[in-house]
Amino acid sequence: MTGAVQVVPEEMLGRMLEAGCKLEEKIFMQAFMFVLFLSSWE
């Protein structure tokens, strides 16, 4: 399950960063930390 998170297409990652710039920094950071938590939680 963690493998799918680690193999994220660059296009999808780019869109996430693009969307993050449009969102409030606080909301983006919370979502980013949540993704890191899921990817590190084995």
N, C-alpha and C. Protein backbone atom coordinates (compact mmCIF):
# COMPACT_ATOMS: atom_id res chain seq x y z
N MET A 1 0.83 -1.20 0.00
CA MET A 1 0.00 0.00 0.00
C MET A 1 0.87 1.26 0.00
N THR A 2 2.01 1.17 0.67
CA THR A 2 2.91 2.33 0.71
C THR A 2 3.62 2.49 -0.63
N GLY A 3 3.75 1.39 -1.38
CA GLY A 3 4.44 1.44 -2.67
C GLY A 3 3.70 2.35 -3.64
N ALA A 4 2.37 2.30 -3.60
CA ALA A 4 1.58 3.12 -4.51
C ALA A 4 1.80 4.60 -4.22
N VAL A 5 2.02 4.92 -2.95
CA VAL A 5 2.23 6.32 -2.57
C VAL A 5 3.60 6.80 -3.01
N GLN A 6 4.58 5.91 -2.92
CA GLN A 6 5.96 6.29 -3.25
C GLN A 6 6.14 6.45 -4.76
N VAL A 7 5.38 5.67 -5.54
CA VAL A 7 5.51 5.75 -7.00
C VAL A 7 4.45 6.69 -7.55
N VAL A 8 4.57 7.95 -7.20
CA VAL A 8 3.61 8.95 -7.67
C VAL A 8 4.14 9.59 -8.95
N PRO A 9 3.31 9.59 -10.01
CA PRO A 9 3.73 10.21 -11.28
C PRO A 9 4.13 11.67 -11.07
N GLU A 10 5.12 12.11 -11.83
CA GLU A 10 5.59 13.49 -11.67
C GLU A 10 4.49 14.48 -12.04
N GLU A 11 3.66 14.09 -13.00
CA GLU A 11 2.57 14.98 -13.42
C GLU A 11 1.59 15.20 -12.27
N MET A 12 1.27 14.11 -11.57
CA MET A 12 0.34 14.20 -10.45
C MET A 12 0.96 15.03 -9.33
N LEU A 13 2.26 14.81 -9.09
CA LEU A 13 2.95 15.56 -8.05
C LEU A 13 2.97 17.04 -8.39
N GLY A 14 3.19 17.33 -9.67
CA GLY A 14 3.20 18.72 -10.13
C GLY A 14 1.85 19.39 -9.91
N ARG A 15 0.78 18.63 -10.17
CA ARG A 15 -0.56 19.18 -9.99
C ARG A 15 -0.84 19.43 -8.51
N MET A 16 -0.32 18.55 -7.66
CA MET A 16 -0.50 18.72 -6.22
C MET A 16 0.17 20.00 -5.75
N LEU A 17 1.40 20.23 -6.23
CA LEU A 17 2.13 21.45 -5.85
C LEU A 17 1.43 22.68 -6.40
N GLU A 18 0.90 22.54 -7.63
CA GLU A 18 0.21 23.66 -8.26
C GLU A 18 -1.04 24.02 -7.46
N ALA A 19 -1.78 22.98 -7.05
CA ALA A 19 -2.99 23.20 -6.26
C ALA A 19 -2.62 23.76 -4.88
N GLY A 20 -1.48 23.29 -4.36
CA GLY A 20 -1.03 23.74 -3.04
C GLY A 20 -0.75 25.24 -3.02
N CYS A 21 -0.22 25.75 -4.13
CA CYS A 21 0.09 27.17 -4.21
C CYS A 21 -1.19 28.00 -4.20
N LYS A 22 -2.27 27.40 -4.71
CA LYS A 22 -3.54 28.13 -4.76
C LYS A 22 -4.25 28.07 -3.42
N LEU A 23 -4.02 26.99 -2.69
CA LEU A 23 -4.67 26.86 -1.38
C LEU A 23 -3.93 27.68 -0.34
N GLU A 24 -4.55 27.79 0.82
CA GLU A 24 -3.87 28.46 1.92
C GLU A 24 -2.71 27.60 2.38
N GLU A 25 -1.64 28.22 2.78
CA GLU A 25 -0.42 27.48 3.15
C GLU A 25 -0.70 26.50 4.29
N LYS A 26 -1.52 26.90 5.23
CA LYS A 26 -1.81 26.04 6.38
C LYS A 26 -2.50 24.75 5.95
N ILE A 27 -3.49 24.88 5.06
CA ILE A 27 -4.23 23.71 4.59
C ILE A 27 -3.32 22.79 3.80
N PHE A 28 -2.46 23.37 2.95
CA PHE A 28 -1.55 22.58 2.13
C PHE A 28 -0.55 21.83 3.01
N MET A 29 -0.03 22.50 4.02
CA MET A 29 0.94 21.86 4.91
C MET A 29 0.31 20.72 5.68
N GLN A 30 -0.93 20.89 6.11
CA GLN A 30 -1.63 19.82 6.82
C GLN A 30 -1.82 18.62 5.92
N ALA A 31 -2.18 18.85 4.67
CA ALA A 31 -2.38 17.76 3.72
C ALA A 31 -1.04 17.09 3.41
N PHE A 32 0.02 17.90 3.28
CA PHE A 32 1.35 17.37 2.98
C PHE A 32 1.86 16.50 4.12
N MET A 33 1.69 16.97 5.35
CA MET A 33 2.11 16.19 6.51
C MET A 33 1.30 14.91 6.63
N PHE A 34 0.03 14.97 6.24
CA PHE A 34 -0.84 13.79 6.29
C PHE A 34 -0.35 12.74 5.29
N VAL A 35 0.07 13.20 4.11
CA VAL A 35 0.59 12.28 3.08
C VAL A 35 1.89 11.66 3.56
N LEU A 36 2.75 12.46 4.18
CA LEU A 36 4.01 11.94 4.71
C LEU A 36 3.75 10.91 5.80
N PHE A 37 2.74 11.17 6.62
CA PHE A 37 2.38 10.25 7.70
C PHE A 37 1.91 8.92 7.12
N LEU A 38 1.07 8.97 6.09
CA LEU A 38 0.56 7.74 5.47
C LEU A 38 1.68 6.97 4.79
N SER A 39 2.59 7.68 4.13
CA SER A 39 3.67 7.02 3.39
C SER A 39 4.68 6.39 4.35
N SER A 40 4.83 6.95 5.54
CA SER A 40 5.81 6.42 6.50
C SER A 40 5.17 5.40 7.44
N TRP A 41 3.84 5.35 7.43
CA TRP A 41 3.12 4.43 8.33
C TRP A 41 2.96 3.07 7.65
N GLU A 42 3.81 2.12 8.05
CA GLU A 42 3.77 0.79 7.41
C GLU A 42 3.05 -0.19 8.32
